[in-house]
Amino acid sequence: ATAGAQPVWSVPQFRGRDHLVFADYGPNDCMLADLRAAHVIGRFS
């Protein structure tokens, strides 16, 4: 609720290494996937 309203990126960014994948949709909008544990966490505005 404290995250301000900012536009998402026009093209999201995705990067990974081994079993981890990070998704960056905007300044306050991100996800992290642990594919080995089949678990995803995310923080969004």
PDB file of all heavy atoms in Angstrom:
ATOM      1  N   ALA A   1       0.815  -1.217   0.000  1.00  0.00           N
ATOM      2  CA  ALA A   1       0.000   0.000   0.000  1.00  0.00           C
ATOM      3  C   ALA A   1       0.845   1.262   0.000  1.00  0.00           C
ATOM      4  O   ALA A   1       0.356   2.342  -0.359  1.00  0.00           O
ATOM      5  CB  ALA A   1      -0.936  -0.005   1.213  1.00  0.00           C
ATOM      6  N   THR A   2       2.121   1.166   0.388  1.00  0.00           N
ATOM      7  CA  THR A   2       2.988   2.348   0.434  1.00  0.00           C
ATOM      8  C   THR A   2       3.659   2.628  -0.901  1.00  0.00           C
ATOM      9  O   THR A   2       4.317   3.662  -1.055  1.00  0.00           O
ATOM     10  CB  THR A   2       4.063   2.183   1.512  1.00  0.00           C
ATOM     11  OG1 THR A   2       4.968   1.128   1.141  1.00  0.00           O
ATOM     12  CG2 THR A   2       3.435   1.844   2.856  1.00  0.00           C
ATOM     13  N   ALA A   3       3.544   1.691  -1.845  1.00  0.00           N
ATOM     14  CA  ALA A   3       4.201   1.867  -3.141  1.00  0.00           C
ATOM     15  C   ALA A   3       3.418   2.850  -3.992  1.00  0.00           C
ATOM     16  O   ALA A   3       2.214   2.674  -4.217  1.00  0.00           O
ATOM     17  CB  ALA A   3       4.333   0.525  -3.849  1.00  0.00           C
ATOM     18  N   GLY A   4       4.086   3.863  -4.477  1.00  0.00           N
ATOM     19  CA  GLY A   4       3.425   4.870  -5.290  1.00  0.00           C
ATOM     20  C   GLY A   4       3.065   4.363  -6.668  1.00  0.00           C
ATOM     21  O   GLY A   4       3.610   3.369  -7.158  1.00  0.00           O
ATOM     22  N   ALA A   5       2.111   5.033  -7.291  1.00  0.00           N
ATOM     23  CA  ALA A   5       1.677   4.668  -8.641  1.00  0.00           C
ATOM     24  C   ALA A   5       2.686   5.180  -9.662  1.00  0.00           C
ATOM     25  O   ALA A   5       2.849   6.388  -9.822  1.00  0.00           O
ATOM     26  CB  ALA A   5       0.292   5.245  -8.920  1.00  0.00           C
ATOM     27  N   GLN A   6       3.377   4.262 -10.300  1.00  0.00           N
ATOM     28  CA  GLN A   6       4.317   4.607 -11.366  1.00  0.00           C
ATOM     29  C   GLN A   6       4.037   3.716 -12.559  1.00  0.00           C
ATOM     30  O   GLN A   6       3.646   2.550 -12.392  1.00  0.00           O
ATOM     31  CB  GLN A   6       5.769   4.415 -10.906  1.00  0.00           C
ATOM     32  CG  GLN A   6       6.184   5.312  -9.762  1.00  0.00           C
ATOM     33  CD  GLN A   6       7.671   5.241  -9.503  1.00  0.00           C
ATOM     34  OE1 GLN A   6       8.484   5.388 -10.406  1.00  0.00           O
ATOM     35  NE2 GLN A   6       8.035   5.003  -8.246  1.00  0.00           N
ATOM     36  N   PRO A   7       4.231   4.220 -13.775  1.00  0.00           N
ATOM     37  CA  PRO A   7       3.952   3.400 -14.964  1.00  0.00           C
ATOM     38  C   PRO A   7       4.843   2.157 -14.996  1.00  0.00           C
ATOM     39  O   PRO A   7       6.000   2.189 -14.579  1.00  0.00           O
ATOM     40  CB  PRO A   7       4.285   4.341 -16.133  1.00  0.00           C
ATOM     41  CG  PRO A   7       4.253   5.715 -15.544  1.00  0.00           C
ATOM     42  CD  PRO A   7       4.691   5.575 -14.122  1.00  0.00           C
ATOM     43  N   VAL A   8       4.293   1.058 -15.488  1.00  0.00           N
ATOM     44  CA  VAL A   8       5.100  -0.143 -15.690  1.00  0.00           C
ATOM     45  C   VAL A   8       6.032   0.100 -16.872  1.00  0.00           C
ATOM     46  O   VAL A   8       5.827   1.007 -17.684  1.00  0.00           O
ATOM     47  CB  VAL A   8       4.205  -1.372 -15.953  1.00  0.00           C
ATOM     48  CG1 VAL A   8       3.375  -1.712 -14.721  1.00  0.00           C
ATOM     49  CG2 VAL A   8       3.308  -1.153 -17.163  1.00  0.00           C
ATOM     50  N   TRP A   9       7.091  -0.726 -16.952  1.00  0.00           N
ATOM     51  CA  TRP A   9       8.022  -0.604 -18.079  1.00  0.00           C
ATOM     52  C   TRP A   9       7.289  -0.945 -19.380  1.00  0.00           C
ATOM     53  O   TRP A   9       6.434  -1.833 -19.416  1.00  0.00           O
ATOM     54  CB  TRP A   9       9.209  -1.546 -17.917  1.00  0.00           C
ATOM     55  CG  TRP A   9       9.932  -1.485 -16.603  1.00  0.00           C
ATOM     56  CD1 TRP A   9      10.220  -2.533 -15.785  1.00  0.00           C
ATOM     57  CD2 TRP A   9      10.495  -0.328 -15.966  1.00  0.00           C
ATOM     58  NE1 TRP A   9      10.896  -2.107 -14.674  1.00  0.00           N
ATOM     59  CE2 TRP A   9      11.075  -0.757 -14.752  1.00  0.00           C
ATOM     60  CE3 TRP A   9      10.528   1.035 -16.279  1.00  0.00           C
ATOM     61  CZ2 TRP A   9      11.707   0.121 -13.869  1.00  0.00           C
ATOM     62  CZ3 TRP A   9      11.150   1.914 -15.395  1.00  0.00           C
ATOM     63  CH2 TRP A   9      11.731   1.460 -14.224  1.00  0.00           C
ATOM     64  N   SER A  10       7.634  -0.276 -20.458  1.00  0.00           N
ATOM     65  CA  SER A  10       7.024  -0.594 -21.757  1.00  0.00           C
ATOM     66  C   SER A  10       7.367  -2.011 -22.185  1.00  0.00           C
ATOM     67  O   SER A  10       6.567  -2.691 -22.826  1.00  0.00           O
ATOM     68  CB  SER A  10       7.479   0.417 -22.821  1.00  0.00           C
ATOM     69  OG  SER A  10       8.891   0.420 -22.940  1.00  0.00           O
ATOM     70  N   VAL A  11       8.577  -2.465 -21.838  1.00  0.00           N
ATOM     71  CA  VAL A  11       8.986  -3.851 -22.089  1.00  0.00           C
ATOM     72  C   VAL A  11       9.526  -4.406 -20.777  1.00  0.00           C
ATOM     73  O   VAL A  11      10.574  -3.971 -20.309  1.00  0.00           O
ATOM     74  CB  VAL A  11      10.064  -3.947 -23.186  1.00  0.00           C
ATOM     75  CG1 VAL A  11      10.489  -5.408 -23.377  1.00  0.00           C
ATOM     76  CG2 VAL A  11       9.542  -3.363 -24.506  1.00  0.00           C
ATOM     77  N   PRO A  12       8.837  -5.357 -20.136  1.00  0.00           N
ATOM     78  CA  PRO A  12       9.344  -5.928 -18.879  1.00  0.00           C
ATOM     79  C   PRO A  12      10.695  -6.599 -19.080  1.00  0.00           C
ATOM     80  O   PRO A  12      11.060  -6.997 -20.196  1.00  0.00           O
ATOM     81  CB  PRO A  12       8.266  -6.961 -18.509  1.00  0.00           C
ATOM     82  CG  PRO A  12       7.058  -6.551 -19.272  1.00  0.00           C
ATOM     83  CD  PRO A  12       7.548  -5.929 -20.535  1.00  0.00           C
ATOM     84  N   GLN A  13      11.438  -6.728 -17.980  1.00  0.00           N
ATOM     85  CA  GLN A  13      12.756  -7.357 -18.014  1.00  0.00           C
ATOM     86  C   GLN A  13      12.690  -8.690 -17.266  1.00  0.00           C
ATOM     87  O   GLN A  13      12.086  -8.784 -16.204  1.00  0.00           O
ATOM     88  CB  GLN A  13      13.796  -6.446 -17.359  1.00  0.00           C
ATOM     89  CG  GLN A  13      13.993  -5.108 -18.038  1.00  0.00           C
ATOM     90  CD  GLN A  13      14.689  -5.222 -19.381  1.00  0.00           C
ATOM     91  OE1 GLN A  13      15.399  -6.193 -19.648  1.00  0.00           O
ATOM     92  NE2 GLN A  13      14.487  -4.233 -20.235  1.00  0.00           N
ATOM     93  N   PHE A  14      13.344  -9.715 -17.834  1.00  0.00           N
ATOM     94  CA  PHE A  14      13.368 -11.041 -17.223  1.00  0.00           C
ATOM     95  C   PHE A  14      14.786 -11.581 -17.248  1.00  0.00           C
ATOM     96  O   PHE A  14      15.445 -11.565 -18.289  1.00  0.00           O
ATOM     97  CB  PHE A  14      12.438 -12.000 -17.966  1.00  0.00           C
ATOM     98  CG  PHE A  14      11.073 -11.436 -18.190  1.00  0.00           C
ATOM     99  CD1 PHE A  14      10.735 -10.843 -19.400  1.00  0.00           C
ATOM    100  CD2 PHE A  14      10.136 -11.451 -17.185  1.00  0.00           C
ATOM    101  CE1 PHE A  14       9.494 -10.294 -19.600  1.00  0.00           C
ATOM    102  CE2 PHE A  14       8.881 -10.899 -17.375  1.00  0.00           C
ATOM    103  CZ  PHE A  14       8.565 -10.322 -18.584  1.00  0.00           C
ATOM    104  N   ARG A  15      15.249 -12.033 -16.099  1.00  0.00           N
ATOM    105  CA  ARG A  15      16.599 -12.580 -16.003  1.00  0.00           C
ATOM    106  C   ARG A  15      16.579 -13.800 -15.086  1.00  0.00           C
ATOM    107  O   ARG A  15      15.747 -13.907 -14.179  1.00  0.00           O
ATOM    108  CB  ARG A  15      17.578 -11.525 -15.453  1.00  0.00           C
ATOM    109  CG  ARG A  15      17.821 -10.340 -16.381  1.00  0.00           C
ATOM    110  CD  ARG A  15      18.535 -10.775 -17.649  1.00  0.00           C
ATOM    111  NE  ARG A  15      18.818  -9.656 -18.542  1.00  0.00           N
ATOM    112  CZ  ARG A  15      18.052  -9.269 -19.549  1.00  0.00           C
ATOM    113  NH1 ARG A  15      16.901  -9.889 -19.767  1.00  0.00           N
ATOM    114  NH2 ARG A  15      18.407  -8.263 -20.325  1.00  0.00           N
ATOM    115  N   GLY A  16      17.490 -14.728 -15.330  1.00  0.00           N
ATOM    116  CA  GLY A  16      17.517 -15.936 -14.520  1.00  0.00           C
ATOM    117  C   GLY A  16      18.900 -16.530 -14.399  1.00  0.00           C
ATOM    118  O   GLY A  16      19.816 -16.205 -15.167  1.00  0.00           O
ATOM    119  N   ARG A  17      19.041 -17.400 -13.421  1.00  0.00           N
ATOM    120  CA  ARG A  17      20.274 -18.159 -13.230  1.00  0.00           C
ATOM    121  C   ARG A  17      19.896 -19.427 -12.476  1.00  0.00           C
ATOM    122  O   ARG A  17      19.196 -19.363 -11.444  1.00  0.00           O
ATOM    123  CB  ARG A  17      21.298 -17.354 -12.425  1.00  0.00           C
ATOM    124  CG  ARG A  17      22.718 -17.904 -12.544  1.00  0.00           C
ATOM    125  CD  ARG A  17      23.334 -17.518 -13.874  1.00  0.00           C
ATOM    126  NE  ARG A  17      24.574 -18.217 -14.136  1.00  0.00           N
ATOM    127  CZ  ARG A  17      25.315 -18.046 -15.227  1.00  0.00           C
ATOM    128  NH1 ARG A  17      24.921 -17.180 -16.139  1.00  0.00           N
ATOM    129  NH2 ARG A  17      26.415 -18.730 -15.415  1.00  0.00           N
ATOM    130  N   ASP A  18      20.339 -20.565 -12.976  1.00  0.00           N
ATOM    131  CA  ASP A  18      20.000 -21.839 -12.345  1.00  0.00           C
ATOM    132  C   ASP A  18      18.478 -21.930 -12.173  1.00  0.00           C
ATOM    133  O   ASP A  18      17.750 -21.763 -13.135  1.00  0.00           O
ATOM    134  CB  ASP A  18      20.747 -22.007 -11.023  1.00  0.00           C
ATOM    135  CG  ASP A  18      22.262 -22.021 -11.212  1.00  0.00           C
ATOM    136  OD1 ASP A  18      22.705 -22.586 -12.225  1.00  0.00           O
ATOM    137  OD2 ASP A  18      22.978 -21.458 -10.380  1.00  0.00           O
ATOM    138  N   HIS A  19      17.991 -22.125 -10.944  1.00  0.00           N
ATOM    139  CA  HIS A  19      16.558 -22.333 -10.727  1.00  0.00           C
ATOM    140  C   HIS A  19      15.814 -21.053 -10.393  1.00  0.00           C
ATOM    141  O   HIS A  19      14.601 -21.093 -10.144  1.00  0.00           O
ATOM    142  CB  HIS A  19      16.339 -23.346  -9.602  1.00  0.00           C
ATOM    143  CG  HIS A  19      16.882 -22.893  -8.274  1.00  0.00           C
ATOM    144  ND1 HIS A  19      18.230 -22.759  -8.035  1.00  0.00           N
ATOM    145  CD2 HIS A  19      16.260 -22.535  -7.115  1.00  0.00           C
ATOM    146  CE1 HIS A  19      18.421 -22.361  -6.786  1.00  0.00           C
ATOM    147  NE2 HIS A  19      17.236 -22.209  -6.209  1.00  0.00           N
ATOM    148  N   LEU A  20      16.499 -19.905 -10.378  1.00  0.00           N
ATOM    149  CA  LEU A  20      15.862 -18.636 -10.028  1.00  0.00           C
ATOM    150  C   LEU A  20      15.580 -17.810 -11.285  1.00  0.00           C
ATOM    151  O   LEU A  20      16.433 -17.701 -12.171  1.00  0.00           O
ATOM    152  CB  LEU A  20      16.758 -17.825  -9.089  1.00  0.00           C
ATOM    153  CG  LEU A  20      17.061 -18.448  -7.721  1.00  0.00           C
ATOM    154  CD1 LEU A  20      18.025 -17.569  -6.946  1.00  0.00           C
ATOM    155  CD2 LEU A  20      15.764 -18.668  -6.925  1.00  0.00           C
ATOM    156  N   VAL A  21      14.379 -17.212 -11.338  1.00  0.00           N
ATOM    157  CA  VAL A  21      14.013 -16.309 -12.429  1.00  0.00           C
ATOM    158  C   VAL A  21      13.366 -15.073 -11.817  1.00  0.00           C
ATOM    159  O   VAL A  21      12.438 -15.184 -11.001  1.00  0.00           O
ATOM    160  CB  VAL A  21      13.040 -16.963 -13.422  1.00  0.00           C
ATOM    161  CG1 VAL A  21      12.611 -15.957 -14.485  1.00  0.00           C
ATOM    162  CG2 VAL A  21      13.677 -18.183 -14.088  1.00  0.00           C
ATOM    163  N   PHE A  22      13.856 -13.895 -12.221  1.00  0.00           N
ATOM    164  CA  PHE A  22      13.352 -12.626 -11.699  1.00  0.00           C
ATOM    165  C   PHE A  22      12.631 -11.886 -12.816  1.00  0.00           C
ATOM    166  O   PHE A  22      13.144 -11.777 -13.939  1.00  0.00           O
ATOM    167  CB  PHE A  22      14.508 -11.778 -11.172  1.00  0.00           C
ATOM    168  CG  PHE A  22      14.069 -10.501 -10.503  1.00  0.00           C
ATOM    169  CD1 PHE A  22      13.551 -10.526  -9.221  1.00  0.00           C
ATOM    170  CD2 PHE A  22      14.180  -9.286 -11.150  1.00  0.00           C
ATOM    171  CE1 PHE A  22      13.146  -9.353  -8.592  1.00  0.00           C
ATOM    172  CE2 PHE A  22      13.791  -8.108 -10.543  1.00  0.00           C
ATOM    173  CZ  PHE A  22      13.266  -8.146  -9.249  1.00  0.00           C
ATOM    174  N   ALA A  23      11.440 -11.376 -12.525  1.00  0.00           N
ATOM    175  CA  ALA A  23      10.645 -10.610 -13.478  1.00  0.00           C
ATOM    176  C   ALA A  23      10.448  -9.202 -12.944  1.00  0.00           C
ATOM    177  O   ALA A  23       9.993  -9.013 -11.819  1.00  0.00           O
ATOM    178  CB  ALA A  23       9.293 -11.283 -13.700  1.00  0.00           C
ATOM    179  N   ASP A  24      10.788  -8.213 -13.765  1.00  0.00           N
ATOM    180  CA  ASP A  24      10.718  -6.800 -13.388  1.00  0.00           C
ATOM    181  C   ASP A  24       9.724  -6.110 -14.315  1.00  0.00           C
ATOM    182  O   ASP A  24      10.003  -5.885 -15.488  1.00  0.00           O
ATOM    183  CB  ASP A  24      12.112  -6.184 -13.515  1.00  0.00           C
ATOM    184  CG  ASP A  24      12.143  -4.704 -13.166  1.00  0.00           C
ATOM    185  OD1 ASP A  24      11.134  -4.203 -12.647  1.00  0.00           O
ATOM    186  OD2 ASP A  24      13.176  -4.064 -13.404  1.00  0.00           O
ATOM    187  N   TYR A  25       8.540  -5.786 -13.787  1.00  0.00           N
ATOM    188  CA  TYR A  25       7.488  -5.185 -14.598  1.00  0.00           C
ATOM    189  C   TYR A  25       7.450  -3.669 -14.478  1.00  0.00           C
ATOM    190  O   TYR A  25       6.889  -2.993 -15.341  1.00  0.00           O
ATOM    191  CB  TYR A  25       6.123  -5.741 -14.182  1.00  0.00           C
ATOM    192  CG  TYR A  25       6.003  -7.228 -14.375  1.00  0.00           C
ATOM    193  CD1 TYR A  25       6.170  -8.095 -13.295  1.00  0.00           C
ATOM    194  CD2 TYR A  25       5.727  -7.780 -15.617  1.00  0.00           C
ATOM    195  CE1 TYR A  25       6.064  -9.468 -13.461  1.00  0.00           C
ATOM    196  CE2 TYR A  25       5.616  -9.140 -15.795  1.00  0.00           C
ATOM    197  CZ  TYR A  25       5.788  -9.986 -14.710  1.00  0.00           C
ATOM    198  OH  TYR A  25       5.684 -11.337 -14.878  1.00  0.00           O
ATOM    199  N   GLY A  26       7.989  -3.143 -13.392  1.00  0.00           N
ATOM    200  CA  GLY A  26       7.956  -1.705 -13.174  1.00  0.00           C
ATOM    201  C   GLY A  26       8.690  -1.353 -11.900  1.00  0.00           C
ATOM    202  O   GLY A  26       9.191  -2.236 -11.183  1.00  0.00           O
ATOM    203  N   PRO A  27       8.795  -0.060 -11.562  1.00  0.00           N
ATOM    204  CA  PRO A  27       9.576   0.354 -10.386  1.00  0.00           C
ATOM    205  C   PRO A  27       9.136  -0.298  -9.088  1.00  0.00           C
ATOM    206  O   PRO A  27       9.949  -0.514  -8.191  1.00  0.00           O
ATOM    207  CB  PRO A  27       9.346   1.875 -10.346  1.00  0.00           C
ATOM    208  CG  PRO A  27       8.997   2.255 -11.749  1.00  0.00           C
ATOM    209  CD  PRO A  27       8.247   1.096 -12.301  1.00  0.00           C
ATOM    210  N   ASN A  28       7.851  -0.635  -8.958  1.00  0.00           N
ATOM    211  CA  ASN A  28       7.346  -1.256  -7.729  1.00  0.00           C
ATOM    212  C   ASN A  28       6.653  -2.582  -7.998  1.00  0.00           C
ATOM    213  O   ASN A  28       5.822  -3.025  -7.203  1.00  0.00           O
ATOM    214  CB  ASN A  28       6.368  -0.309  -7.028  1.00  0.00           C
ATOM    215  CG  ASN A  28       7.034   0.957  -6.535  1.00  0.00           C
ATOM    216  OD1 ASN A  28       8.033   0.907  -5.833  1.00  0.00           O
ATOM    217  ND2 ASN A  28       6.488   2.108  -6.921  1.00  0.00           N
ATOM    218  N   ASP A  29       7.016  -3.241  -9.097  1.00  0.00           N
ATOM    219  CA  ASP A  29       6.297  -4.436  -9.530  1.00  0.00           C
ATOM    220  C   ASP A  29       7.288  -5.509  -9.964  1.00  0.00           C
ATOM    221  O   ASP A  29       7.831  -5.457 -11.076  1.00  0.00           O
ATOM    222  CB  ASP A  29       5.357  -4.095 -10.687  1.00  0.00           C
ATOM    223  CG  ASP A  29       4.445  -2.924 -10.355  1.00  0.00           C
ATOM    224  OD1 ASP A  29       3.707  -3.027  -9.365  1.00  0.00           O
ATOM    225  OD2 ASP A  29       4.493  -1.907 -11.079  1.00  0.00           O
ATOM    226  N   CYS A  30       7.521  -6.485  -9.087  1.00  0.00           N
ATOM    227  CA  CYS A  30       8.532  -7.507  -9.354  1.00  0.00           C
ATOM    228  C   CYS A  30       8.063  -8.866  -8.860  1.00  0.00           C
ATOM    229  O   CYS A  30       7.253  -8.974  -7.941  1.00  0.00           O
ATOM    230  CB  CYS A  30       9.862  -7.161  -8.670  1.00  0.00           C
ATOM    231  SG  CYS A  30      10.564  -5.577  -9.159  1.00  0.00           S
ATOM    232  N   MET A  31       8.634  -9.920  -9.465  1.00  0.00           N
ATOM    233  CA  MET A  31       8.378 -11.292  -9.057  1.00  0.00           C
ATOM    234  C   MET A  31       9.688 -12.064  -9.036  1.00  0.00           C
ATOM    235  O   MET A  31      10.597 -11.795  -9.838  1.00  0.00           O
ATOM    236  CB  MET A  31       7.445 -11.994 -10.048  1.00  0.00           C
ATOM    237  CG  MET A  31       5.972 -11.851  -9.808  1.00  0.00           C
ATOM    238  SD  MET A  31       5.064 -12.844 -11.029  1.00  0.00           S
ATOM    239  CE  MET A  31       3.397 -12.618 -10.442  1.00  0.00           C
ATOM    240  N   LEU A  32       9.769 -13.040  -8.138  1.00  0.00           N
ATOM    241  CA  LEU A  32      10.892 -13.964  -8.099  1.00  0.00           C
ATOM    242  C   LEU A  32      10.335 -15.375  -8.061  1.00  0.00           C
ATOM    243  O   LEU A  32       9.517 -15.705  -7.200  1.00  0.00           O
ATOM    244  CB  LEU A  32      11.772 -13.716  -6.871  1.00  0.00           C
ATOM    245  CG  LEU A  32      12.909 -14.720  -6.650  1.00  0.00           C
ATOM    246  CD1 LEU A  32      13.897 -14.705  -7.823  1.00  0.00           C
ATOM    247  CD2 LEU A  32      13.619 -14.449  -5.329  1.00  0.00           C
ATOM    248  N   ALA A  33      10.775 -16.224  -8.996  1.00  0.00           N
ATOM    249  CA  ALA A  33      10.335 -17.616  -9.073  1.00  0.00           C
ATOM    250  C   ALA A  33      11.480 -18.544  -8.688  1.00  0.00           C
ATOM    251  O   ALA A  33      12.570 -18.446  -9.250  1.00  0.00           O
ATOM    252  CB  ALA A  33       9.842 -17.942 -10.480  1.00  0.00           C
ATOM    253  N   ASP A  34      11.224 -19.399  -7.730  1.00  0.00           N
ATOM    254  CA  ASP A  34      12.121 -20.496  -7.389  1.00  0.00           C
ATOM    255  C   ASP A  34      11.542 -21.728  -8.068  1.00  0.00           C
ATOM    256  O   ASP A  34      10.613 -22.360  -7.569  1.00  0.00           O
ATOM    257  CB  ASP A  34      12.177 -20.679  -5.869  1.00  0.00           C
ATOM    258  CG  ASP A  34      13.035 -21.863  -5.442  1.00  0.00           C
ATOM    259  OD1 ASP A  34      13.500 -22.620  -6.329  1.00  0.00           O
ATOM    260  OD2 ASP A  34      13.231 -22.054  -4.229  1.00  0.00           O
ATOM    261  N   LEU A  35      12.083 -22.061  -9.243  1.00  0.00           N
ATOM    262  CA  LEU A  35      11.492 -23.123 -10.039  1.00  0.00           C
ATOM    263  C   LEU A  35      11.724 -24.501  -9.426  1.00  0.00           C
ATOM    264  O   LEU A  35      10.913 -25.410  -9.620  1.00  0.00           O
ATOM    265  CB  LEU A  35      12.044 -23.067 -11.464  1.00  0.00           C
ATOM    266  CG  LEU A  35      11.711 -21.781 -12.234  1.00  0.00           C
ATOM    267  CD1 LEU A  35      12.267 -21.841 -13.634  1.00  0.00           C
ATOM    268  CD2 LEU A  35      10.205 -21.538 -12.261  1.00  0.00           C
ATOM    269  N   ARG A  36      12.795 -24.662  -8.701  1.00  0.00           N
ATOM    270  CA  ARG A  36      13.051 -25.964  -8.090  1.00  0.00           C
ATOM    271  C   ARG A  36      12.026 -26.252  -6.993  1.00  0.00           C
ATOM    272  O   ARG A  36      11.581 -27.390  -6.824  1.00  0.00           O
ATOM    273  CB  ARG A  36      14.467 -26.016  -7.530  1.00  0.00           C
ATOM    274  CG  ARG A  36      14.926 -27.410  -7.134  1.00  0.00           C
ATOM    275  CD  ARG A  36      16.421 -27.534  -7.196  1.00  0.00           C
ATOM    276  NE  ARG A  36      17.108 -26.492  -6.417  1.00  0.00           N
ATOM    277  CZ  ARG A  36      18.420 -26.306  -6.466  1.00  0.00           C
ATOM    278  NH1 ARG A  36      19.170 -27.052  -7.256  1.00  0.00           N
ATOM    279  NH2 ARG A  36      18.978 -25.352  -5.739  1.00  0.00           N
ATOM    280  N   ALA A  37      11.627 -25.236  -6.258  1.00  0.00           N
ATOM    281  CA  ALA A  37      10.628 -25.401  -5.203  1.00  0.00           C
ATOM    282  C   ALA A  37       9.210 -25.115  -5.694  1.00  0.00           C
ATOM    283  O   ALA A  37       8.260 -25.252  -4.916  1.00  0.00           O
ATOM    284  CB  ALA A  37      10.960 -24.491  -4.021  1.00  0.00           C
ATOM    285  N   ALA A  38       9.065 -24.709  -6.975  1.00  0.00           N
ATOM    286  CA  ALA A  38       7.752 -24.357  -7.538  1.00  0.00           C
ATOM    287  C   ALA A  38       7.053 -23.318  -6.661  1.00  0.00           C
ATOM    288  O   ALA A  38       5.882 -23.445  -6.304  1.00  0.00           O
ATOM    289  CB  ALA A  38       6.876 -25.592  -7.712  1.00  0.00           C
ATOM    290  N   HIS A  39       7.795 -22.245  -6.331  1.00  0.00           N
ATOM    291  CA  HIS A  39       7.292 -21.201  -5.449  1.00  0.00           C
ATOM    292  C   HIS A  39       7.610 -19.842  -6.053  1.00  0.00           C
ATOM    293  O   HIS A  39       8.744 -19.600  -6.507  1.00  0.00           O
ATOM    294  CB  HIS A  39       7.931 -21.335  -4.059  1.00  0.00           C
ATOM    295  CG  HIS A  39       7.416 -20.350  -3.063  1.00  0.00           C
ATOM    296  ND1 HIS A  39       8.139 -19.956  -1.953  1.00  0.00           N
ATOM    297  CD2 HIS A  39       6.238 -19.665  -2.995  1.00  0.00           C
ATOM    298  CE1 HIS A  39       7.435 -19.084  -1.259  1.00  0.00           C
ATOM    299  NE2 HIS A  39       6.282 -18.886  -1.865  1.00  0.00           N
ATOM    300  N   VAL A  40       6.632 -18.953  -6.075  1.00  0.00           N
ATOM    301  CA  VAL A  40       6.788 -17.614  -6.648  1.00  0.00           C
ATOM    302  C   VAL A  40       6.364 -16.590  -5.607  1.00  0.00           C
ATOM    303  O   VAL A  40       5.331 -16.758  -4.944  1.00  0.00           O
ATOM    304  CB  VAL A  40       5.922 -17.451  -7.917  1.00  0.00           C
ATOM    305  CG1 VAL A  40       6.054 -16.032  -8.476  1.00  0.00           C
ATOM    306  CG2 VAL A  40       6.308 -18.477  -8.969  1.00  0.00           C
ATOM    307  N   ILE A  41       7.173 -15.543  -5.440  1.00  0.00           N
ATOM    308  CA  ILE A  41       6.791 -14.429  -4.589  1.00  0.00           C
ATOM    309  C   ILE A  41       6.792 -13.154  -5.434  1.00  0.00           C
ATOM    310  O   ILE A  41       7.544 -13.046  -6.410  1.00  0.00           O
ATOM    311  CB  ILE A  41       7.705 -14.257  -3.361  1.00  0.00           C
ATOM    312  CG1 ILE A  41       9.138 -13.890  -3.796  1.00  0.00           C
ATOM    313  CG2 ILE A  41       7.711 -15.521  -2.521  1.00  0.00           C
ATOM    314  CD1 ILE A  41      10.055 -13.530  -2.614  1.00  0.00           C
ATOM    315  N   GLY A  42       5.940 -12.202  -5.076  1.00  0.00           N
ATOM    316  CA  GLY A  42       5.883 -10.958  -5.832  1.00  0.00           C
ATOM    317  C   GLY A  42       5.448  -9.790  -4.975  1.00  0.00           C
ATOM    318  O   GLY A  42       4.711  -9.957  -3.999  1.00  0.00           O
ATOM    319  N   ARG A  43       5.941  -8.612  -5.322  1.00  0.00           N
ATOM    320  CA  ARG A  43       5.550  -7.366  -4.668  1.00  0.00           C
ATOM    321  C   ARG A  43       5.086  -6.406  -5.745  1.00  0.00           C
ATOM    322  O   ARG A  43       5.813  -6.135  -6.712  1.00  0.00           O
ATOM    323  CB  ARG A  43       6.730  -6.757  -3.908  1.00  0.00           C
ATOM    324  CG  ARG A  43       6.483  -5.347  -3.348  1.00  0.00           C
ATOM    325  CD  ARG A  43       7.730  -4.795  -2.664  1.00  0.00           C
ATOM    326  NE  ARG A  43       7.553  -3.414  -2.242  1.00  0.00           N
ATOM    327  CZ  ARG A  43       7.894  -2.365  -2.984  1.00  0.00           C
ATOM    328  NH1 ARG A  43       8.418  -2.533  -4.195  1.00  0.00           N
ATOM    329  NH2 ARG A  43       7.711  -1.130  -2.529  1.00  0.00           N
ATOM    330  N   PHE A  44       3.852  -5.881  -5.599  1.00  0.00           N
ATOM    331  CA  PHE A  44       3.273  -5.006  -6.605  1.00  0.00           C
ATOM    332  C   PHE A  44       2.664  -3.774  -5.944  1.00  0.00           C
ATOM    333  O   PHE A  44       2.299  -3.797  -4.759  1.00  0.00           O
ATOM    334  CB  PHE A  44       2.187  -5.742  -7.404  1.00  0.00           C
ATOM    335  CG  PHE A  44       2.736  -6.748  -8.381  1.00  0.00           C
ATOM    336  CD1 PHE A  44       3.084  -8.023  -7.950  1.00  0.00           C
ATOM    337  CD2 PHE A  44       2.915  -6.430  -9.707  1.00  0.00           C
ATOM    338  CE1 PHE A  44       3.598  -8.955  -8.831  1.00  0.00           C
ATOM    339  CE2 PHE A  44       3.424  -7.346 -10.599  1.00  0.00           C
ATOM    340  CZ  PHE A  44       3.776  -8.618 -10.161  1.00  0.00           C
ATOM    341  N   SER A  45       2.536  -2.719  -6.732  1.00  0.00           N
ATOM    342  CA  SER A  45       1.883  -1.505  -6.261  1.00  0.00           C
ATOM    343  C   SER A  45       0.374  -1.666  -6.389  1.00  0.00           C
ATOM    344  O   SER A  45      -0.111  -2.472  -7.197  1.00  0.00           O
ATOM    345  CB  SER A  45       2.344  -0.311  -7.091  1.00  0.00           C
ATOM    346  OG  SER A  45       1.898  -0.450  -8.438  1.00  0.00           O
TER     347      SER A  45
END
